[in-house]
Protein backbone atom coordinates (compact mmCIF):
# COMPACT_ATOMS: atom_id res chain seq x y z
CA MET A 1 -0.02 -0.04 -0.01
CA PRO A 2 1.32 3.40 -0.82
CA LYS A 3 2.10 5.87 1.97
CA ILE A 4 0.39 9.31 1.37
CA ALA A 5 1.35 12.43 2.62
CA ILE A 6 -0.68 15.96 2.50
CA LEU A 7 0.34 19.64 2.86
CA THR A 8 -1.56 22.72 2.92
CA SER A 9 0.46 25.72 1.96
CA GLY A 10 0.14 29.86 1.67
CA GLY A 11 -2.54 31.82 2.77
CA ILE A 12 -5.91 29.85 3.77
CA ALA A 13 -8.85 29.65 1.51
CA PRO A 14 -12.36 27.96 1.82
CA CYS A 15 -11.09 24.93 0.15
CA LEU A 16 -8.22 23.52 2.24
CA SER A 17 -10.03 21.27 4.94
CA SER A 18 -12.61 20.15 2.09
CA THR A 19 -9.76 19.08 -0.25
CA ILE A 20 -8.37 16.94 2.66
CA GLY A 21 -11.57 15.48 3.02
CA GLY A 22 -12.08 14.75 -0.28
CA LEU A 23 -8.71 13.04 -0.86
CA ILE A 24 -9.51 11.03 2.21
CA GLU A 25 -13.01 9.80 0.91
CA LYS A 26 -11.41 8.78 -2.66
CA TYR A 27 -8.47 7.02 -0.87
CA ASN A 28 -11.13 5.23 1.65
CA LYS A 29 -12.58 3.86 -1.72
CA LEU A 30 -9.28 3.04 -3.62
CA SER A 31 -6.69 2.11 -0.91
CA PRO A 32 -8.52 1.82 2.44
CA ASP A 33 -5.31 0.36 3.99
CA SER A 34 -2.99 3.27 2.82
CA GLU A 35 -1.25 5.15 5.67
CA ILE A 36 -2.06 9.09 5.18
CA ILE A 37 -0.15 11.75 7.43
CA GLY A 38 -0.48 15.54 7.05
CA TYR A 39 2.83 17.89 7.34
CA MET A 40 2.02 20.47 9.87
CA HIS A 41 2.17 24.18 8.43
CA GLY A 42 3.01 23.14 5.01
CA TYR A 43 6.72 22.91 3.97
CA ARG A 44 7.67 24.25 7.37
CA GLY A 45 6.53 20.92 8.94
CA LEU A 46 8.40 18.93 6.12
CA LEU A 47 11.39 20.90 6.61
CA GLN A 48 11.43 20.23 10.66
CA GLY A 49 9.73 16.66 10.24
CA ASN A 50 6.59 17.71 12.07
CA SER A 51 3.70 15.51 10.71
CA ILE A 52 0.52 13.74 12.17
CA THR A 53 -1.02 10.50 10.96
CA PHE A 54 -4.59 10.42 10.10
CA SER A 55 -6.14 8.14 12.54
CA GLU A 56 -9.07 5.61 11.74
CA LYS A 57 -11.27 7.87 13.29
CA VAL A 58 -10.69 10.60 11.19
CA LYS A 59 -10.54 8.92 8.07
CA HIS A 60 -14.06 7.54 9.02
CA ASN A 61 -15.25 11.04 9.79
CA TYR A 62 -14.01 12.93 6.51
CA LYS A 63 -17.26 14.48 6.09
CA ILE A 64 -16.96 16.81 8.75
CA LEU A 65 -13.78 18.50 6.98
CA TYR A 66 -16.35 19.25 4.30
CA ASN A 67 -17.90 21.95 6.41
CA PHE A 68 -14.74 23.82 7.98
CA GLY A 69 -12.54 26.62 6.64
CA GLY A 70 -8.85 27.03 7.21
CA SER A 71 -6.82 23.88 7.30
CA PRO A 72 -6.52 21.29 10.11
CA ILE A 73 -2.88 20.59 9.66
CA GLY A 74 -1.91 24.62 9.34
CA ASN A 75 -0.29 26.67 6.62
CA SER A 76 2.85 28.73 6.30
CA ARG A 77 4.53 30.61 3.36
CA VAL A 78 7.90 28.67 2.70
CA LYS A 79 9.74 29.01 -0.38
CA LEU A 80 12.25 25.82 -0.63
CA THR A 81 14.51 27.43 -2.98
CA ASN A 82 14.80 30.68 -0.80
CA ILE A 83 17.82 29.15 1.59
CA GLU A 84 18.62 32.53 3.12
CA ASP A 85 14.89 32.75 4.23
CA CYS A 86 14.87 29.32 5.49
CA VAL A 87 17.96 29.71 7.59
CA LYS A 88 16.92 33.01 8.98
CA LYS A 89 13.72 31.26 10.10
CA GLY A 90 15.21 28.49 11.47
CA TYR A 91 13.73 25.89 9.34
CA VAL A 92 16.99 24.59 8.29
CA LYS A 93 20.63 25.17 9.64
CA GLN A 94 23.30 27.30 7.81
CA GLY A 95 25.05 25.39 5.04
CA GLN A 96 21.85 23.20 4.41
CA ASP A 97 19.72 22.91 1.22
CA PRO A 98 15.98 23.16 1.94
CA LEU A 99 15.17 21.05 -0.91
CA GLU A 100 17.65 18.33 0.18
CA VAL A 101 16.73 18.74 3.76
CA ALA A 102 12.88 18.37 2.55
CA ALA A 103 13.71 15.43 -0.03
CA LYS A 104 15.40 13.44 2.91
CA GLN A 105 12.59 14.01 5.05
CA LEU A 106 10.29 12.57 2.53
CA LEU A 107 12.76 9.53 2.23
CA THR A 108 12.75 9.08 5.79
CA ASP A 109 9.03 9.06 6.24
CA GLN A 110 8.77 6.69 3.21
CA ILE A 111 6.18 8.63 1.27
CA ASP A 112 5.06 7.47 -2.24
CA ILE A 113 2.58 9.90 -2.86
CA LEU A 114 2.65 13.87 -1.90
CA HIS A 115 -0.49 16.04 -2.10
CA THR A 116 0.24 19.58 -2.12
CA ILE A 117 -2.84 21.96 -1.72
CA GLY A 118 -1.95 25.60 -2.68
CA GLY A 119 -1.29 28.26 -5.22
CA ASP A 120 1.48 28.36 -7.73
CA ASP A 121 4.30 29.19 -5.37
CA THR A 122 3.30 25.79 -3.48
CA ASN A 123 2.92 23.73 -6.58
CA THR A 124 5.99 24.80 -8.43
CA MET A 125 7.99 23.93 -5.02
CA ALA A 126 6.49 20.55 -5.29
CA ALA A 127 7.54 20.38 -8.60
CA ALA A 128 11.18 21.38 -7.77
CA LEU A 129 11.09 18.56 -5.18
CA ALA A 130 9.86 16.01 -7.15
CA GLN A 131 12.79 16.83 -9.93
CA TYR A 132 15.37 16.86 -7.05
CA LEU A 133 14.26 13.51 -5.93
CA GLN A 134 14.21 12.15 -9.58
CA ALA A 135 17.83 13.29 -9.99
CA SER A 136 18.77 11.42 -7.24
CA GLY A 137 16.94 8.10 -8.43
CA THR A 138 13.96 8.50 -6.07
CA LYS A 139 10.27 8.18 -7.37
CA LEU A 140 7.80 10.56 -5.67
CA THR A 141 4.40 10.94 -7.14
CA VAL A 142 3.24 14.66 -6.50
CA VAL A 143 -0.24 15.75 -7.41
CA GLY A 144 -1.05 19.60 -6.46
CA LEU A 145 -4.52 20.93 -6.31
CA PRO A 146 -4.85 24.89 -7.08
CA LYS A 147 -5.90 26.95 -4.18
CA THR A 148 -6.05 30.73 -4.42
CA ILE A 149 -9.00 33.09 -3.61
CA ASP A 150 -7.26 35.44 -6.20
CA ASN A 151 -8.16 32.79 -9.21
CA ASP A 152 -4.92 33.91 -10.93
CA VAL A 153 -2.88 30.59 -11.54
CA ILE A 154 -2.07 29.68 -15.37
CA PRO A 155 -3.58 27.75 -16.73
CA VAL A 156 -6.40 26.86 -14.64
CA LYS A 157 -9.73 28.20 -15.38
CA GLN A 158 -11.25 28.19 -11.84
CA THR A 159 -9.03 27.78 -8.54
CA LEU A 160 -10.34 26.23 -5.46
CA GLY A 161 -11.97 28.62 -2.98
CA ALA A 162 -12.19 31.66 -5.43
CA TRP A 163 -16.01 31.59 -5.85
CA THR A 164 -16.76 31.17 -2.02
CA ALA A 165 -14.30 34.18 -1.37
CA ALA A 166 -16.29 36.31 -3.77
CA GLU A 167 -19.51 35.20 -2.24
CA GLN A 168 -18.34 35.81 1.16
CA GLY A 169 -16.71 39.20 0.45
CA ALA A 170 -20.28 40.21 -0.67
CA VAL A 171 -21.61 39.18 2.48
CA PHE A 172 -19.22 41.36 4.45
CA PHE A 173 -20.02 44.50 2.40
CA GLN A 174 -23.61 43.73 2.81
CA ASN A 175 -23.00 44.70 6.42
CA ILE A 176 -20.22 47.44 6.15
CA VAL A 177 -22.06 49.16 3.63
CA ASN A 178 -24.71 50.37 6.25
CA GLU A 179 -22.12 52.50 7.84
CA ASN A 180 -23.16 55.08 5.24
CA THR A 181 -26.28 55.95 7.40
CA THR A 182 -23.70 57.22 10.34
CA SER A 183 -22.59 60.29 8.71
CA SER A 184 -23.26 62.67 5.77
CA ARG A 185 -20.77 62.48 2.64
CA GLN A 186 -19.20 59.01 3.70
CA LEU A 187 -16.65 57.61 1.61
CA ILE A 188 -16.16 53.61 2.24
CA ILE A 189 -13.38 51.75 0.24
CA HIS A 190 -13.68 48.06 0.36
CA GLU A 191 -10.29 46.35 0.00
CA VAL A 192 -10.42 43.18 -1.54
CA MET A 193 -7.52 40.62 -1.89
CA GLY A 194 -5.81 40.40 -5.21
CA ARG A 195 -2.04 41.13 -5.72
CA HIS A 196 -2.13 41.10 -9.58
CA CYS A 197 -5.52 39.93 -10.44
CA GLY A 198 -8.53 41.78 -10.06
CA TRP A 199 -10.98 38.74 -10.62
CA LEU A 200 -11.94 38.45 -6.80
CA THR A 201 -12.43 42.13 -6.45
CA ALA A 202 -14.70 42.22 -9.61
CA ALA A 203 -16.70 38.94 -9.00
CA THR A 204 -17.24 40.38 -5.17
CA ALA A 205 -18.93 43.31 -6.58
CA TYR A 206 -20.61 41.42 -9.05
CA GLU A 207 -21.98 39.18 -6.22
CA TYR A 208 -22.71 41.88 -4.02
CA ARG A 209 -24.88 43.76 -6.60
CA ASN A 210 -26.92 40.69 -7.07
CA SER A 211 -27.87 40.82 -3.29
CA LEU A 212 -28.98 44.31 -4.12
CA LYS A 213 -31.99 42.93 -6.18
CA GLU A 214 -33.77 42.37 -2.79
CA MET A 215 -33.74 46.13 -2.14
CA ASP A 216 -36.07 47.08 -4.92
CA ALA A 217 -39.11 46.24 -2.56
CA LEU A 218 -37.94 49.29 -0.59
CA SER A 219 -37.77 51.86 -3.35
CA ASP A 220 -40.86 53.63 -2.39
CA LEU A 221 -39.40 54.27 0.88
CA PHE A 222 -36.99 57.14 2.13
CA ILE A 223 -33.94 54.53 1.36
CA SER A 224 -32.19 55.28 -1.99
CA LYS A 225 -30.77 51.80 -3.34
CA ASN A 226 -28.08 53.85 -5.20
CA ARG A 227 -26.79 54.69 -1.64
CA TRP A 228 -26.27 50.88 -1.03
CA ASP A 229 -24.71 50.39 -4.52
CA ILE A 230 -21.12 50.45 -5.80
CA HIS A 231 -19.92 53.49 -7.49
CA ALA A 232 -16.40 52.39 -8.62
CA VAL A 233 -14.29 49.15 -8.87
CA TYR A 234 -10.51 49.63 -9.26
CA ILE A 235 -8.31 46.51 -10.21
CA PRO A 236 -4.73 46.17 -11.11
CA GLU A 237 -5.70 45.39 -14.79
CA LYS A 238 -7.19 48.93 -15.31
CA ASP A 239 -5.30 52.12 -14.77
CA VAL A 240 -7.20 54.71 -12.62
CA ASP A 241 -7.63 58.22 -14.24
CA PHE A 242 -7.84 60.15 -10.54
CA GLN A 243 -8.66 63.47 -12.23
CA LYS A 244 -11.66 62.03 -14.19
CA GLU A 245 -12.78 59.77 -11.52
CA SER A 246 -12.53 62.56 -8.90
CA ILE A 247 -15.02 64.38 -11.05
CA ARG A 248 -17.45 61.53 -11.57
CA LEU A 249 -17.27 60.41 -8.02
CA ARG A 250 -17.83 63.65 -6.67
CA LYS A 251 -21.09 63.78 -8.49
CA CYS A 252 -22.06 60.67 -6.92
CA MET A 253 -21.15 61.94 -3.59
CA ASP A 254 -23.36 65.16 -4.09
CA GLU A 255 -26.04 62.89 -5.32
CA ASN A 256 -25.86 60.11 -2.90
CA ASP A 257 -24.46 61.45 -0.06
CA CYS A 258 -21.91 58.66 -0.04
CA VAL A 259 -19.40 56.98 -2.23
CA ASN A 260 -18.59 53.14 -2.26
CA ILE A 261 -15.76 51.69 -3.69
CA PHE A 262 -14.25 48.16 -4.39
CA LEU A 263 -10.78 48.33 -4.47
CA SER A 264 -8.57 45.56 -5.40
CA GLU A 265 -5.22 45.66 -3.01
CA GLY A 266 -3.00 45.39 -5.79
CA ALA A 267 -4.55 48.26 -7.87
CA GLY A 268 -2.18 50.98 -8.66
CA MET A 269 0.37 49.18 -6.99
CA GLU A 270 3.06 50.27 -9.23
CA THR A 271 2.15 53.96 -8.80
CA ILE A 272 2.18 53.35 -5.06
CA ILE A 273 5.78 51.88 -4.94
CA ARG A 274 7.30 54.68 -7.20
CA ASN A 275 5.57 57.22 -4.61
CA LEU A 276 6.97 55.67 -1.77
CA GLU A 277 10.57 55.05 -3.28
CA SER A 278 10.78 58.55 -4.29
CA GLN A 279 10.14 59.42 -0.82
CA GLY A 280 13.06 57.28 0.29
CA THR A 281 10.88 54.75 1.85
CA LYS A 282 11.81 50.98 1.58
CA VAL A 283 9.18 48.64 0.15
CA PRO A 284 8.83 45.41 2.32
CA ARG A 285 8.76 42.34 0.57
CA ASP A 286 8.12 38.58 1.63
CA ALA A 287 10.30 35.50 1.05
CA PHE A 288 8.83 35.30 -2.50
CA GLY A 289 9.52 38.64 -3.15
CA HIS A 290 5.88 39.88 -3.39
CA VAL A 291 5.43 43.37 -1.95
CA ARG A 292 3.75 43.12 1.57
CA LEU A 293 0.54 44.96 0.86
CA ASP A 294 -0.81 45.46 4.29
CA ASP A 295 2.43 47.27 5.32
CA ILE A 296 2.00 49.92 2.09
CA ASN A 297 -1.72 50.08 2.86
CA PRO A 298 -3.26 50.51 -0.67
CA GLY A 299 -6.73 51.36 1.17
CA GLN A 300 -5.28 54.14 2.81
CA TRP A 301 -3.34 55.43 -0.29
CA PHE A 302 -6.47 55.67 -2.58
CA ALA A 303 -8.57 57.24 0.41
CA ASP A 304 -6.04 60.00 0.46
CA GLN A 305 -6.55 60.72 -2.84
CA PHE A 306 -10.03 60.76 -3.02
CA ALA A 307 -11.05 62.11 0.36
CA GLU A 308 -10.34 65.81 -0.30
CA ALA A 309 -11.41 65.81 -3.94
CA LEU A 310 -14.75 64.21 -2.80
CA ASP A 311 -15.23 66.65 0.28
CA ALA A 312 -16.01 63.50 2.37
CA ASP A 313 -16.85 64.05 6.00
CA LYS A 314 -15.79 60.59 7.06
CA THR A 315 -13.70 57.92 5.45
CA LEU A 316 -13.79 54.39 6.25
CA ILE A 317 -11.45 51.62 4.89
CA GLN A 318 -12.45 48.02 5.33
CA LYS A 319 -10.70 44.84 4.20
CA SER A 320 -12.63 41.78 3.59
CA GLY A 321 -9.82 39.46 2.90
CA TYR A 322 -9.46 37.54 5.86
CA PHE A 323 -13.24 37.30 6.44
CA ALA A 324 -13.59 35.83 3.00
CA ARG A 325 -10.62 33.41 2.99
CA SER A 326 -11.65 31.71 6.40
CA ALA A 327 -15.09 30.38 5.16
CA LYS A 328 -16.45 26.75 4.59
CA PRO A 329 -16.69 26.15 1.07
CA GLY A 330 -20.14 26.91 -0.96
CA PHE A 331 -22.07 24.96 -2.82
CA ARG A 332 -20.22 25.69 -6.28
CA ASP A 333 -16.71 25.32 -4.58
CA LEU A 334 -17.47 22.25 -2.82
CA GLU A 335 -18.77 20.57 -6.10
CA LEU A 336 -15.45 21.39 -7.56
CA ILE A 337 -13.41 20.37 -4.92
CA LYS A 338 -14.66 16.92 -4.69
CA LYS A 339 -14.12 16.36 -8.10
CA SER A 340 -10.59 17.87 -8.28
CA ALA A 341 -9.95 15.49 -5.21
CA PHE A 342 -11.13 12.69 -6.17
CA ALA A 343 -9.24 13.08 -9.45
CA ALA A 344 -6.11 13.81 -7.94
CA ALA A 345 -6.24 10.49 -5.82
CA ASP A 346 -6.83 8.74 -9.12
CA PHE A 347 -3.88 10.07 -10.85
CA ALA A 348 -1.79 9.75 -7.65
CA LEU A 349 -2.35 5.96 -7.51
CA GLN A 350 -1.81 5.57 -11.39
CA GLY A 351 1.75 7.40 -10.59
CA ASP A 352 0.92 10.29 -12.47
CA SER A 353 2.46 13.81 -11.20
CA GLY A 354 1.07 17.29 -11.97
CA LEU A 355 -1.41 19.56 -10.91
CA VAL A 356 -5.17 18.80 -11.06
CA GLY A 357 -7.45 21.81 -12.31
CA LEU A 358 -9.81 23.11 -14.95
CA ASP A 359 -7.36 23.20 -17.82
CA GLU A 360 -7.65 26.26 -20.02
CA ASN A 361 -5.32 24.53 -22.67
CA ASN A 362 -7.83 21.81 -22.82
CA ASN A 363 -11.33 23.71 -23.40
CA GLY A 364 -11.44 24.12 -19.30
CA GLU A 365 -11.74 20.37 -18.62
CA LEU A 366 -10.56 19.09 -15.54
CA GLY A 367 -7.37 17.22 -16.01
CA LEU A 368 -3.71 16.67 -14.81
CA ILE A 369 -1.57 19.65 -16.10
CA ASP A 370 2.27 19.58 -16.31
CA PHE A 371 3.99 21.35 -13.50
CA GLN A 372 6.07 23.00 -15.77
CA LEU A 373 3.13 24.76 -17.10
CA ILE A 374 2.03 26.53 -13.74
CA ARG A 375 2.61 30.02 -13.31
CA GLY A 376 0.81 32.58 -11.03
CA GLY A 377 -0.10 36.44 -11.84
CA LYS A 378 -2.90 35.19 -14.39
CA ALA A 379 -4.42 38.62 -15.18
CA PHE A 380 -8.26 38.96 -15.13
CA ASP A 381 -9.77 39.23 -18.33
CA ILE A 382 -11.38 42.70 -18.44
CA SER A 383 -13.21 42.22 -21.97
CA SER A 384 -15.50 39.81 -19.90
CA GLU A 385 -18.91 40.69 -20.65
CA TRP A 386 -20.32 40.58 -17.45
CA TYR A 387 -17.67 42.91 -16.01
CA LYS A 388 -18.08 45.51 -18.72
CA ASP A 389 -21.78 45.21 -18.16
CA MET A 390 -21.55 46.05 -14.39
CA LEU A 391 -18.94 48.81 -15.16
CA SER A 392 -21.55 50.32 -17.68
CA ASP A 393 -24.17 50.15 -14.94
CA ILE A 394 -22.59 51.88 -12.31
CA GLY A 395 -21.60 54.63 -14.72
CA GLN A 396 -17.60 53.84 -14.73
CA GLU A 397 -15.75 53.91 -17.99
CA THR A 398 -15.51 50.45 -19.39
CA PRO A 399 -12.27 48.86 -21.15
């Protein structure tokens, strides 16, 4: 019987626990006697030899995992090829190669199949690990699953957890928007996760606006639906003309006594970075070289650009990211998660390595994608009709 290991890595998403549940369910049918272990906190646990065996009780009660967010085996952001960072954090000793340490741990644990649940960074690290072992004459089957709420993995059409994150971000704003009743001329900026890709921001706005249809029944009361609507959506793929938008949004403010903006955290990032660096400020980055967006605070930067121009009496900046990514999966996601996890177990037992996903190179069909084709930073298609229709409906310039 093969020995199977699972790790979840990167930020959490509404699919991690349920994907583990799906893998257990399928292995219960295909290889019920196989031992399954989980490396705690992703690659950190692998480097430190910290794992837990899934008991028979856990394997029997796998369905419980379908109703949980987060990951029962923990996450971390570790890049195995970033030796300096791994040494700095104490995951390996000076002079050690993290890839070699991880590979030796897999050999020590006698792992035959490794499932990695994460984004492009997680799965490209898995590919590097498999190549390292292969070069040393060791066969390891690695089958990844694409987790990211940004929906920005190439060439995956729909990543696990993204639909739910959009739905939950809309729920978050359904409450936050009511703050517009606490002040006159209020500017609300809803900052949504999305470093390079605006899909989540656009999809969250779309889901939220669908929820507004329920307000039609109140149209004869003093409540104006326009005050609860979105007045602007800003994403990384579309430049913001601040002068033109200031004029348009000032009109919205005058008419509605408020302005509601949906902002992708990566929108205008290059402009913000240039602004900070011109002031002599060092831009903080993580182990993967990504700008630490929480530290540069895009929401506040946009608020500073618009508050005075709109003559706002009050400005409120709210981030839905942690709320949205922590949810259990919604119906659409859970269906895709199960199909993907079941397929991943099938491929793994056949000895085939790769990433299981809806392959855009194969008409969006679910299949096994070569790890070498996996990349991050896929841009949102701003020519999508639903997105253009939404912008047109709120009075914003369309692509």
